[in-house]
Amino acid sequence: MDAAEIESPKKRKIVETAYHLFKTRGFYATGVDLIMQTASVSKRTLYKYFPTKNELIVSVLNYYRAAYADYFNQILAQQDKSSRQKILNIFEDAEQWFEDINFHGCLAVNAMGEFSGKDRAIEDSCIRFKQWEIDMLTMLTRDITSRQSEELAYKLFVLLEGMSAIAQVAKGKCPVNMTAMADEMIKKYL
């Protein structure tokens, strides 16, 4: 869900508010009353745009993916950098993000953890997000190696996801240089 898809300022406010609350508090721990209060909207307004909390969660996950896509597109637009350097930039940025005190893990992974087997629309949104990430990495790895580009993309994806999970638990600087690990992985495919 990009800016164009949120046609109403109130709807945007609800989605952005819910995004920040879900990110810091979790999905089950964040009730609609807190979302309404924080967004300064009435129950009627909230339910006008989102008849159920789960529909709001799907919209928030789409918003999260769109924000990440905007970031990713900025990296892809860097004409002066090779695909290898773009991948390493992603890892450098991820390392900084993972060390941030406000890092609470990937919202899609957190949603899957809370809703797996409980809500198909939320699961599908999470799956689409992760497939999109893999597709973006595959697009970059195709420029590095025409053979085994998908294998390299999946390995890089696993490294990112693993480090994200470790960062969420460890809450601090990772003792391993994740960018160097990604570079070593890439070198094996050159």
N, C-alpha and C. Protein backbone atom coordinates (compact mmCIF):
# COMPACT_ATOMS: atom_id res chain seq x y z
N MET A 1 0.86 -1.18 0.00
CA MET A 1 0.00 0.00 0.00
C MET A 1 0.89 1.23 0.00
N ASP A 2 0.96 1.91 -1.12
CA ASP A 2 1.75 3.12 -1.18
C ASP A 2 0.87 4.34 -0.92
N ALA A 3 1.48 5.50 -0.99
CA ALA A 3 0.75 6.73 -0.67
C ALA A 3 -0.50 6.90 -1.53
N ALA A 4 -0.41 6.50 -2.78
CA ALA A 4 -1.56 6.65 -3.68
C ALA A 4 -2.71 5.74 -3.30
N GLU A 5 -2.41 4.63 -2.65
CA GLU A 5 -3.46 3.67 -2.29
C GLU A 5 -4.22 4.09 -1.04
N ILE A 6 -3.66 4.99 -0.25
CA ILE A 6 -4.36 5.47 0.94
C ILE A 6 -4.95 6.82 0.57
N GLU A 7 -6.20 6.79 0.13
CA GLU A 7 -6.83 7.98 -0.42
C GLU A 7 -7.27 8.98 0.64
N SER A 8 -7.49 8.57 1.83
CA SER A 8 -7.98 9.45 2.88
C SER A 8 -6.89 9.74 3.91
N PRO A 9 -6.75 11.01 4.32
CA PRO A 9 -5.77 11.33 5.37
C PRO A 9 -6.06 10.58 6.68
N LYS A 10 -7.35 10.39 6.99
CA LYS A 10 -7.68 9.65 8.22
C LYS A 10 -7.29 8.19 8.11
N LYS A 11 -7.52 7.61 6.95
CA LYS A 11 -7.14 6.20 6.74
C LYS A 11 -5.62 6.07 6.86
N ARG A 12 -4.90 7.00 6.25
CA ARG A 12 -3.43 6.99 6.34
C ARG A 12 -2.99 7.11 7.80
N LYS A 13 -3.62 8.00 8.54
CA LYS A 13 -3.27 8.20 9.96
C LYS A 13 -3.49 6.90 10.75
N ILE A 14 -4.59 6.23 10.48
CA ILE A 14 -4.88 4.96 11.17
C ILE A 14 -3.81 3.92 10.84
N VAL A 15 -3.49 3.79 9.57
CA VAL A 15 -2.49 2.79 9.15
C VAL A 15 -1.12 3.11 9.74
N GLU A 16 -0.70 4.36 9.66
CA GLU A 16 0.62 4.74 10.20
C GLU A 16 0.67 4.57 11.71
N THR A 17 -0.40 4.93 12.38
CA THR A 17 -0.45 4.76 13.84
C THR A 17 -0.40 3.28 14.20
N ALA A 18 -1.21 2.48 13.54
CA ALA A 18 -1.23 1.04 13.82
C ALA A 18 0.13 0.43 13.51
N TYR A 19 0.77 0.87 12.44
CA TYR A 19 2.10 0.36 12.08
C TYR A 19 3.07 0.57 13.25
N HIS A 20 3.14 1.78 13.77
CA HIS A 20 4.07 2.08 14.87
C HIS A 20 3.71 1.30 16.14
N LEU A 21 2.44 1.18 16.42
CA LEU A 21 2.03 0.43 17.62
C LEU A 21 2.28 -1.07 17.46
N PHE A 22 1.94 -1.63 16.31
CA PHE A 22 2.18 -3.06 16.09
C PHE A 22 3.67 -3.37 16.14
N LYS A 23 4.46 -2.47 15.58
CA LYS A 23 5.91 -2.67 15.52
C LYS A 23 6.51 -2.72 16.93
N THR A 24 6.05 -1.85 17.80
CA THR A 24 6.66 -1.76 19.14
C THR A 24 5.97 -2.65 20.18
N ARG A 25 4.66 -2.88 20.03
CA ARG A 25 3.92 -3.60 21.06
C ARG A 25 3.49 -5.01 20.65
N GLY A 26 3.45 -5.26 19.35
CA GLY A 26 2.94 -6.54 18.87
C GLY A 26 1.49 -6.38 18.42
N PHE A 27 1.00 -7.39 17.75
CA PHE A 27 -0.35 -7.33 17.19
C PHE A 27 -1.42 -7.62 18.24
N TYR A 28 -1.27 -8.70 18.99
CA TYR A 28 -2.29 -9.04 19.99
C TYR A 28 -2.30 -8.05 21.14
N ALA A 29 -1.13 -7.52 21.49
CA ALA A 29 -1.04 -6.59 22.61
C ALA A 29 -1.56 -5.19 22.27
N THR A 30 -1.82 -4.94 21.00
CA THR A 30 -2.31 -3.63 20.58
C THR A 30 -3.79 -3.74 20.24
N GLY A 31 -4.61 -3.18 21.09
CA GLY A 31 -6.05 -3.22 20.86
C GLY A 31 -6.53 -2.07 20.00
N VAL A 32 -7.72 -2.22 19.45
CA VAL A 32 -8.27 -1.16 18.60
C VAL A 32 -8.52 0.12 19.39
N ASP A 33 -8.82 0.00 20.67
CA ASP A 33 -9.03 1.21 21.49
C ASP A 33 -7.76 2.05 21.54
N LEU A 34 -6.61 1.41 21.70
CA LEU A 34 -5.34 2.13 21.74
C LEU A 34 -5.06 2.76 20.37
N ILE A 35 -5.34 2.05 19.30
CA ILE A 35 -5.15 2.60 17.95
C ILE A 35 -6.04 3.82 17.76
N MET A 36 -7.31 3.71 18.14
CA MET A 36 -8.24 4.84 18.00
C MET A 36 -7.76 6.04 18.81
N GLN A 37 -7.38 5.80 20.05
CA GLN A 37 -6.94 6.88 20.93
C GLN A 37 -5.68 7.54 20.38
N THR A 38 -4.70 6.75 19.98
CA THR A 38 -3.43 7.29 19.48
C THR A 38 -3.60 8.02 18.16
N ALA A 39 -4.47 7.50 17.29
CA ALA A 39 -4.72 8.13 15.99
C ALA A 39 -5.74 9.27 16.08
N SER A 40 -6.37 9.41 17.23
CA SER A 40 -7.41 10.43 17.44
C SER A 40 -8.56 10.29 16.45
N VAL A 41 -9.06 9.06 16.35
CA VAL A 41 -10.22 8.80 15.50
C VAL A 41 -11.28 8.07 16.32
N SER A 42 -12.50 8.17 15.87
CA SER A 42 -13.60 7.48 16.55
C SER A 42 -13.66 6.02 16.10
N LYS A 43 -14.39 5.24 16.87
CA LYS A 43 -14.59 3.84 16.51
C LYS A 43 -15.29 3.75 15.15
N ARG A 44 -16.24 4.64 14.94
CA ARG A 44 -16.98 4.65 13.67
C ARG A 44 -16.02 4.88 12.49
N THR A 45 -15.10 5.83 12.65
CA THR A 45 -14.13 6.12 11.58
C THR A 45 -13.22 4.93 11.35
N LEU A 46 -12.72 4.34 12.42
CA LEU A 46 -11.84 3.17 12.29
C LEU A 46 -12.54 2.05 11.53
N TYR A 47 -13.76 1.73 11.95
CA TYR A 47 -14.46 0.61 11.32
C TYR A 47 -15.00 0.95 9.93
N LYS A 48 -15.10 2.23 9.62
CA LYS A 48 -15.47 2.63 8.26
C LYS A 48 -14.39 2.16 7.27
N TYR A 49 -13.15 2.33 7.66
CA TYR A 49 -12.03 1.94 6.78
C TYR A 49 -11.59 0.49 6.99
N PHE A 50 -11.72 0.01 8.21
CA PHE A 50 -11.24 -1.33 8.54
C PHE A 50 -12.29 -2.05 9.39
N PRO A 51 -13.19 -2.79 8.75
CA PRO A 51 -14.26 -3.48 9.48
C PRO A 51 -13.75 -4.45 10.56
N THR A 52 -12.53 -4.96 10.37
CA THR A 52 -11.94 -5.84 11.38
C THR A 52 -10.50 -5.44 11.64
N LYS A 53 -10.01 -5.79 12.80
CA LYS A 53 -8.61 -5.52 13.14
C LYS A 53 -7.69 -6.26 12.17
N ASN A 54 -8.07 -7.46 11.78
CA ASN A 54 -7.24 -8.23 10.87
C ASN A 54 -7.11 -7.57 9.50
N GLU A 55 -8.17 -6.90 9.04
CA GLU A 55 -8.08 -6.15 7.78
C GLU A 55 -7.10 -4.98 7.93
N LEU A 56 -7.10 -4.36 9.09
CA LEU A 56 -6.14 -3.30 9.37
C LEU A 56 -4.72 -3.86 9.36
N ILE A 57 -4.54 -5.02 9.94
CA ILE A 57 -3.20 -5.64 9.97
C ILE A 57 -2.70 -5.90 8.55
N VAL A 58 -3.56 -6.40 7.69
CA VAL A 58 -3.16 -6.64 6.29
C VAL A 58 -2.76 -5.32 5.63
N SER A 59 -3.52 -4.26 5.87
CA SER A 59 -3.17 -2.95 5.31
C SER A 59 -1.84 -2.44 5.86
N VAL A 60 -1.60 -2.67 7.13
CA VAL A 60 -0.33 -2.26 7.74
C VAL A 60 0.83 -3.05 7.13
N LEU A 61 0.64 -4.33 6.92
CA LEU A 61 1.70 -5.14 6.30
C LEU A 61 1.97 -4.68 4.86
N ASN A 62 0.94 -4.31 4.14
CA ASN A 62 1.12 -3.78 2.79
C ASN A 62 1.85 -2.44 2.82
N TYR A 63 1.51 -1.61 3.79
CA TYR A 63 2.18 -0.33 3.98
C TYR A 63 3.66 -0.55 4.29
N TYR A 64 3.95 -1.51 5.15
CA TYR A 64 5.33 -1.86 5.52
C TYR A 64 6.11 -2.31 4.30
N ARG A 65 5.52 -3.16 3.48
CA ARG A 65 6.19 -3.63 2.27
C ARG A 65 6.43 -2.46 1.31
N ALA A 66 5.47 -1.56 1.17
CA ALA A 66 5.64 -0.40 0.28
C ALA A 66 6.77 0.51 0.76
N ALA A 67 6.88 0.70 2.06
CA ALA A 67 7.96 1.52 2.61
C ALA A 67 9.31 0.87 2.35
N TYR A 68 9.36 -0.43 2.52
CA TYR A 68 10.60 -1.17 2.26
C TYR A 68 10.92 -1.14 0.77
N ALA A 69 9.92 -1.23 -0.07
CA ALA A 69 10.12 -1.18 -1.53
C ALA A 69 10.68 0.18 -1.93
N ASP A 70 10.19 1.26 -1.31
CA ASP A 70 10.72 2.59 -1.60
C ASP A 70 12.21 2.65 -1.27
N TYR A 71 12.57 2.11 -0.12
CA TYR A 71 13.99 2.06 0.29
C TYR A 71 14.79 1.23 -0.72
N PHE A 72 14.27 0.08 -1.07
CA PHE A 72 14.96 -0.82 -1.98
C PHE A 72 15.14 -0.17 -3.35
N ASN A 73 14.12 0.54 -3.81
CA ASN A 73 14.20 1.21 -5.11
C ASN A 73 15.25 2.31 -5.12
N GLN A 74 15.48 2.94 -3.98
CA GLN A 74 16.55 3.95 -3.90
C GLN A 74 17.91 3.29 -4.11
N ILE A 75 18.08 2.11 -3.54
CA ILE A 75 19.33 1.38 -3.73
C ILE A 75 19.47 0.95 -5.18
N LEU A 76 18.40 0.42 -5.76
CA LEU A 76 18.45 -0.04 -7.15
C LEU A 76 18.73 1.11 -8.12
N ALA A 77 18.31 2.31 -7.78
CA ALA A 77 18.48 3.46 -8.67
C ALA A 77 19.90 3.99 -8.70
N GLN A 78 20.76 3.52 -7.83
CA GLN A 78 22.14 4.00 -7.79
C GLN A 78 22.91 3.47 -8.99
N GLN A 79 22.93 4.25 -10.05
CA GLN A 79 23.53 3.83 -11.32
C GLN A 79 25.04 3.63 -11.22
N ASP A 80 25.67 4.30 -10.29
CA ASP A 80 27.13 4.23 -10.18
C ASP A 80 27.62 3.02 -9.40
N LYS A 81 26.70 2.17 -8.95
CA LYS A 81 27.10 1.01 -8.14
C LYS A 81 26.73 -0.28 -8.85
N SER A 82 27.59 -1.28 -8.67
CA SER A 82 27.32 -2.60 -9.22
C SER A 82 26.25 -3.30 -8.39
N SER A 83 25.70 -4.35 -8.91
CA SER A 83 24.70 -5.13 -8.15
C SER A 83 25.32 -5.68 -6.88
N ARG A 84 26.57 -6.09 -6.97
CA ARG A 84 27.27 -6.58 -5.77
C ARG A 84 27.31 -5.50 -4.70
N GLN A 85 27.69 -4.27 -5.09
CA GLN A 85 27.76 -3.18 -4.11
C GLN A 85 26.37 -2.84 -3.57
N LYS A 86 25.36 -2.93 -4.41
CA LYS A 86 23.99 -2.67 -3.94
C LYS A 86 23.59 -3.68 -2.88
N ILE A 87 23.92 -4.94 -3.10
CA ILE A 87 23.61 -5.98 -2.10
C ILE A 87 24.35 -5.68 -0.80
N LEU A 88 25.63 -5.34 -0.92
CA LEU A 88 26.41 -5.04 0.29
C LEU A 88 25.85 -3.81 1.01
N ASN A 89 25.34 -2.83 0.25
CA ASN A 89 24.68 -1.68 0.89
C ASN A 89 23.46 -2.11 1.69
N ILE A 90 22.70 -3.05 1.14
CA ILE A 90 21.54 -3.56 1.86
C ILE A 90 21.97 -4.18 3.19
N PHE A 91 23.05 -4.95 3.16
CA PHE A 91 23.54 -5.57 4.39
C PHE A 91 24.11 -4.55 5.36
N GLU A 92 24.81 -3.55 4.86
CA GLU A 92 25.33 -2.49 5.74
C GLU A 92 24.18 -1.77 6.45
N ASP A 93 23.15 -1.42 5.67
CA ASP A 93 21.98 -0.75 6.26
C ASP A 93 21.28 -1.66 7.26
N ALA A 94 21.18 -2.94 6.92
CA ALA A 94 20.52 -3.89 7.83
C ALA A 94 21.29 -3.99 9.14
N GLU A 95 22.60 -4.01 9.07
CA GLU A 95 23.40 -4.07 10.31
C GLU A 95 23.09 -2.88 11.21
N GLN A 96 23.02 -1.70 10.62
CA GLN A 96 22.70 -0.51 11.41
C GLN A 96 21.29 -0.59 11.98
N TRP A 97 20.35 -1.06 11.15
CA TRP A 97 18.96 -1.20 11.60
C TRP A 97 18.86 -2.20 12.74
N PHE A 98 19.56 -3.32 12.62
CA PHE A 98 19.48 -4.36 13.65
C PHE A 98 20.07 -3.90 14.97
N GLU A 99 21.01 -2.96 14.93
CA GLU A 99 21.63 -2.46 16.16
C GLU A 99 20.81 -1.35 16.82
N ASP A 100 19.82 -0.83 16.11
CA ASP A 100 18.99 0.25 16.63
C ASP A 100 18.16 -0.24 17.81
N ILE A 101 18.11 0.54 18.86
CA ILE A 101 17.35 0.16 20.06
C ILE A 101 15.87 -0.01 19.76
N ASN A 102 15.40 0.65 18.70
CA ASN A 102 13.98 0.56 18.33
C ASN A 102 13.69 -0.59 17.36
N PHE A 103 14.67 -1.43 17.11
CA PHE A 103 14.45 -2.57 16.22
C PHE A 103 13.68 -3.64 16.99
N HIS A 104 12.55 -4.06 16.42
CA HIS A 104 11.71 -5.07 17.04
C HIS A 104 11.48 -6.26 16.13
N GLY A 105 12.35 -6.41 15.14
CA GLY A 105 12.21 -7.52 14.20
C GLY A 105 11.41 -7.12 12.97
N CYS A 106 11.36 -8.03 12.04
CA CYS A 106 10.59 -7.81 10.82
C CYS A 106 9.11 -7.94 11.14
N LEU A 107 8.35 -6.94 10.75
CA LEU A 107 6.92 -6.93 11.05
C LEU A 107 6.20 -8.12 10.41
N ALA A 108 6.62 -8.51 9.21
CA ALA A 108 5.99 -9.65 8.54
C ALA A 108 6.27 -10.95 9.28
N VAL A 109 7.49 -11.12 9.74
CA VAL A 109 7.83 -12.32 10.51
C VAL A 109 7.07 -12.32 11.83
N ASN A 110 6.99 -11.16 12.48
CA ASN A 110 6.25 -11.07 13.74
C ASN A 110 4.77 -11.40 13.52
N ALA A 111 4.21 -10.90 12.43
CA ALA A 111 2.80 -11.18 12.14
C ALA A 111 2.59 -12.67 11.88
N MET A 112 3.51 -13.27 11.14
CA MET A 112 3.39 -14.70 10.85
C MET A 112 3.46 -15.50 12.15
N GLY A 113 4.32 -15.06 13.06
CA GLY A 113 4.43 -15.73 14.35
C GLY A 113 3.14 -15.66 15.16
N GLU A 114 2.45 -14.54 15.08
CA GLU A 114 1.23 -14.37 15.86
C GLU A 114 -0.01 -14.92 15.17
N PHE A 115 -0.01 -15.01 13.84
CA PHE A 115 -1.23 -15.37 13.12
C PHE A 115 -1.15 -16.63 12.27
N SER A 116 -0.04 -17.33 12.33
CA SER A 116 0.10 -18.54 11.53
C SER A 116 -1.01 -19.53 11.87
N GLY A 117 -1.72 -19.96 10.85
CA GLY A 117 -2.82 -20.89 11.05
C GLY A 117 -4.10 -20.25 11.58
N LYS A 118 -4.09 -18.92 11.74
CA LYS A 118 -5.26 -18.24 12.32
C LYS A 118 -5.96 -17.31 11.35
N ASP A 119 -5.21 -16.75 10.39
CA ASP A 119 -5.81 -15.81 9.45
C ASP A 119 -5.07 -15.90 8.12
N ARG A 120 -5.76 -16.43 7.13
CA ARG A 120 -5.14 -16.67 5.82
C ARG A 120 -4.73 -15.38 5.12
N ALA A 121 -5.51 -14.32 5.24
CA ALA A 121 -5.17 -13.05 4.57
C ALA A 121 -3.87 -12.47 5.14
N ILE A 122 -3.70 -12.55 6.45
CA ILE A 122 -2.47 -12.06 7.07
C ILE A 122 -1.29 -12.93 6.65
N GLU A 123 -1.47 -14.24 6.67
CA GLU A 123 -0.41 -15.15 6.23
C GLU A 123 -0.01 -14.85 4.79
N ASP A 124 -0.99 -14.69 3.92
CA ASP A 124 -0.71 -14.41 2.51
C ASP A 124 0.06 -13.11 2.35
N SER A 125 -0.29 -12.10 3.12
CA SER A 125 0.42 -10.83 3.05
C SER A 125 1.89 -11.00 3.48
N CYS A 126 2.11 -11.78 4.51
CA CYS A 126 3.48 -12.06 4.98
C CYS A 126 4.26 -12.84 3.93
N ILE A 127 3.64 -13.82 3.34
CA ILE A 127 4.29 -14.63 2.31
C ILE A 127 4.64 -13.77 1.10
N ARG A 128 3.71 -12.91 0.69
CA ARG A 128 3.98 -12.01 -0.44
C ARG A 128 5.17 -11.10 -0.14
N PHE A 129 5.25 -10.61 1.09
CA PHE A 129 6.36 -9.74 1.49
C PHE A 129 7.69 -10.48 1.37
N LYS A 130 7.75 -11.67 1.93
CA LYS A 130 9.01 -12.44 1.90
C LYS A 130 9.36 -12.87 0.47
N GLN A 131 8.36 -13.22 -0.33
CA GLN A 131 8.63 -13.58 -1.72
C GLN A 131 9.15 -12.36 -2.48
N TRP A 132 8.61 -11.20 -2.19
CA TRP A 132 9.08 -9.98 -2.82
C TRP A 132 10.55 -9.74 -2.46
N GLU A 133 10.92 -9.95 -1.20
CA GLU A 133 12.33 -9.78 -0.80
C GLU A 133 13.24 -10.72 -1.58
N ILE A 134 12.83 -11.97 -1.68
CA ILE A 134 13.63 -12.95 -2.43
C ILE A 134 13.73 -12.54 -3.90
N ASP A 135 12.63 -12.09 -4.47
CA ASP A 135 12.63 -11.66 -5.88
C ASP A 135 13.59 -10.49 -6.10
N MET A 136 13.63 -9.54 -5.17
CA MET A 136 14.53 -8.40 -5.30
C MET A 136 15.99 -8.85 -5.22
N LEU A 137 16.28 -9.74 -4.29
CA LEU A 137 17.65 -10.26 -4.19
C LEU A 137 18.01 -11.06 -5.43
N THR A 138 17.08 -11.83 -5.95
CA THR A 138 17.33 -12.61 -7.17
C THR A 138 17.63 -11.69 -8.35
N MET A 139 16.89 -10.61 -8.44
CA MET A 139 17.13 -9.65 -9.51
C MET A 139 18.56 -9.13 -9.45
N LEU A 140 19.04 -8.82 -8.25
CA LEU A 140 20.40 -8.33 -8.10
C LEU A 140 21.44 -9.42 -8.35
N THR A 141 21.16 -10.62 -7.88
CA THR A 141 22.16 -11.69 -8.04
C THR A 141 22.28 -12.14 -9.49
N ARG A 142 21.26 -11.93 -10.29
CA ARG A 142 21.35 -12.29 -11.72
C ARG A 142 22.43 -11.48 -12.43
N ASP A 143 22.68 -10.27 -11.94
CA ASP A 143 23.75 -9.46 -12.53
C ASP A 143 25.14 -9.94 -12.09
N ILE A 144 25.19 -10.66 -11.00
CA ILE A 144 26.46 -11.15 -10.48
C ILE A 144 26.82 -12.49 -11.11
N THR A 145 25.83 -13.35 -11.21
CA THR A 145 26.06 -14.68 -11.76
C THR A 145 24.82 -15.14 -12.52
N SER A 146 25.02 -15.53 -13.75
CA SER A 146 23.86 -16.02 -14.50
C SER A 146 23.51 -17.44 -14.07
N ARG A 147 24.48 -18.14 -13.54
CA ARG A 147 24.23 -19.49 -13.03
C ARG A 147 24.03 -19.40 -11.52
N GLN A 148 23.12 -20.09 -11.04
CA GLN A 148 22.86 -20.20 -9.60
C GLN A 148 22.50 -18.86 -8.93
N SER A 149 21.89 -17.96 -9.68
CA SER A 149 21.51 -16.68 -9.08
C SER A 149 20.43 -16.86 -8.01
N GLU A 150 19.50 -17.78 -8.23
CA GLU A 150 18.46 -18.02 -7.22
C GLU A 150 19.06 -18.63 -5.95
N GLU A 151 20.01 -19.52 -6.12
CA GLU A 151 20.66 -20.12 -4.95
C GLU A 151 21.37 -19.06 -4.12
N LEU A 152 22.11 -18.18 -4.78
CA LEU A 152 22.78 -17.09 -4.07
C LEU A 152 21.77 -16.17 -3.40
N ALA A 153 20.70 -15.85 -4.09
CA ALA A 153 19.67 -14.98 -3.50
C ALA A 153 19.08 -15.60 -2.24
N TYR A 154 18.79 -16.90 -2.28
CA TYR A 154 18.23 -17.56 -1.10
C TYR A 154 19.23 -17.57 0.06
N LYS A 155 20.49 -17.79 -0.25
CA LYS A 155 21.51 -17.78 0.81
C LYS A 155 21.62 -16.40 1.45
N LEU A 156 21.59 -15.36 0.62
CA LEU A 156 21.64 -14.00 1.15
C LEU A 156 20.38 -13.70 1.98
N PHE A 157 19.25 -14.17 1.50
CA PHE A 157 17.98 -14.00 2.22
C PHE A 157 18.04 -14.68 3.59
N VAL A 158 18.55 -15.90 3.62
CA VAL A 158 18.67 -16.64 4.88
C VAL A 158 19.60 -15.90 5.85
N LEU A 159 20.69 -15.36 5.32
CA LEU A 159 21.61 -14.59 6.16
C LEU A 159 20.91 -13.37 6.75
N LEU A 160 20.18 -12.63 5.92
CA LEU A 160 19.46 -11.45 6.42
C LEU A 160 18.42 -11.84 7.47
N GLU A 161 17.63 -12.86 7.17
CA GLU A 161 16.58 -13.28 8.09
C GLU A 161 17.17 -13.79 9.40
N GLY A 162 18.24 -14.56 9.29
CA GLY A 162 18.88 -15.10 10.50
C GLY A 162 19.45 -14.01 11.37
N MET A 163 20.11 -13.06 10.75
CA MET A 163 20.69 -11.97 11.52
C MET A 163 19.59 -11.09 12.14
N SER A 164 18.49 -10.96 11.43
CA SER A 164 17.35 -10.20 11.98
C SER A 164 16.82 -10.88 13.24
N ALA A 165 16.68 -12.19 13.18
CA ALA A 165 16.18 -12.94 14.34
C ALA A 165 17.15 -12.85 15.51
N ILE A 166 18.44 -12.97 15.21
CA ILE A 166 19.45 -12.87 16.27
C ILE A 166 19.43 -11.48 16.89
N ALA A 167 19.33 -10.45 16.05
CA ALA A 167 19.32 -9.08 16.55
C ALA A 167 18.10 -8.82 17.43
N GLN A 168 16.98 -9.41 17.07
CA GLN A 168 15.77 -9.22 17.85
C GLN A 168 15.93 -9.80 19.25
N VAL A 169 16.65 -10.89 19.36
CA VAL A 169 16.85 -11.54 20.65
C VAL A 169 18.03 -10.94 21.41
N ALA A 170 19.14 -10.71 20.72
CA ALA A 170 20.38 -10.28 21.37
C ALA A 170 20.36 -8.81 21.78
N LYS A 171 19.63 -7.97 21.07
CA LYS A 171 19.52 -6.54 21.38
C LYS A 171 20.90 -5.89 21.56
N GLY A 172 21.65 -5.84 20.49
CA GLY A 172 22.95 -5.19 20.55
C GLY A 172 23.75 -5.45 19.29
N LYS A 173 24.97 -4.97 19.32
CA LYS A 173 25.85 -5.13 18.17
C LYS A 173 26.16 -6.60 17.96
N CYS A 174 26.03 -7.01 16.72
CA CYS A 174 26.32 -8.40 16.35
C CYS A 174 27.83 -8.61 16.36
N PRO A 175 28.30 -9.69 16.95
CA PRO A 175 29.74 -9.93 16.99
C PRO A 175 30.32 -10.37 15.64
N VAL A 176 29.47 -10.58 14.65
CA VAL A 176 29.90 -11.03 13.32
C VAL A 176 29.60 -9.92 12.32
N ASN A 177 30.52 -9.67 11.41
CA ASN A 177 30.30 -8.67 10.37
C ASN A 177 29.44 -9.30 9.28
N MET A 178 28.19 -8.96 9.30
CA MET A 178 27.22 -9.53 8.38
C MET A 178 27.52 -9.15 6.93
N THR A 179 27.97 -7.93 6.71
CA THR A 179 28.28 -7.48 5.36
C THR A 179 29.45 -8.28 4.79
N ALA A 180 30.46 -8.52 5.61
CA ALA A 180 31.61 -9.32 5.18
C ALA A 180 31.17 -10.75 4.86
N MET A 181 30.26 -11.29 5.65
CA MET A 181 29.74 -12.63 5.37
C MET A 181 29.02 -12.66 4.03
N ALA A 182 28.23 -11.64 3.75
CA ALA A 182 27.52 -11.57 2.47
C ALA A 182 28.52 -11.47 1.32
N ASP A 183 29.57 -10.67 1.50
CA ASP A 183 30.58 -10.51 0.46
C ASP A 183 31.31 -11.83 0.20
N GLU A 184 31.65 -12.55 1.26
CA GLU A 184 32.28 -13.86 1.09
C GLU A 184 31.38 -14.82 0.32
N MET A 185 30.11 -14.77 0.63
CA MET A 185 29.13 -15.62 -0.05
C MET A 185 29.09 -15.27 -1.54
N ILE A 186 29.03 -13.98 -1.83
CA ILE A 186 28.97 -13.53 -3.22
C ILE A 186 30.22 -13.97 -3.99
N LYS A 187 31.39 -13.82 -3.37
CA LYS A 187 32.67 -14.17 -4.03
C LYS A 187 32.68 -15.62 -4.52
N LYS A 188 32.01 -16.48 -3.80
CA LYS A 188 31.98 -17.90 -4.19
C LYS A 188 31.20 -18.13 -5.49
N TYR A 189 30.41 -17.13 -5.89
CA TYR A 189 29.61 -17.27 -7.10
C TYR A 189 30.18 -16.50 -8.29
N LEU A 190 31.29 -15.83 -8.09
CA LEU A 190 31.90 -15.05 -9.19
C LEU A 190 32.63 -15.96 -10.14
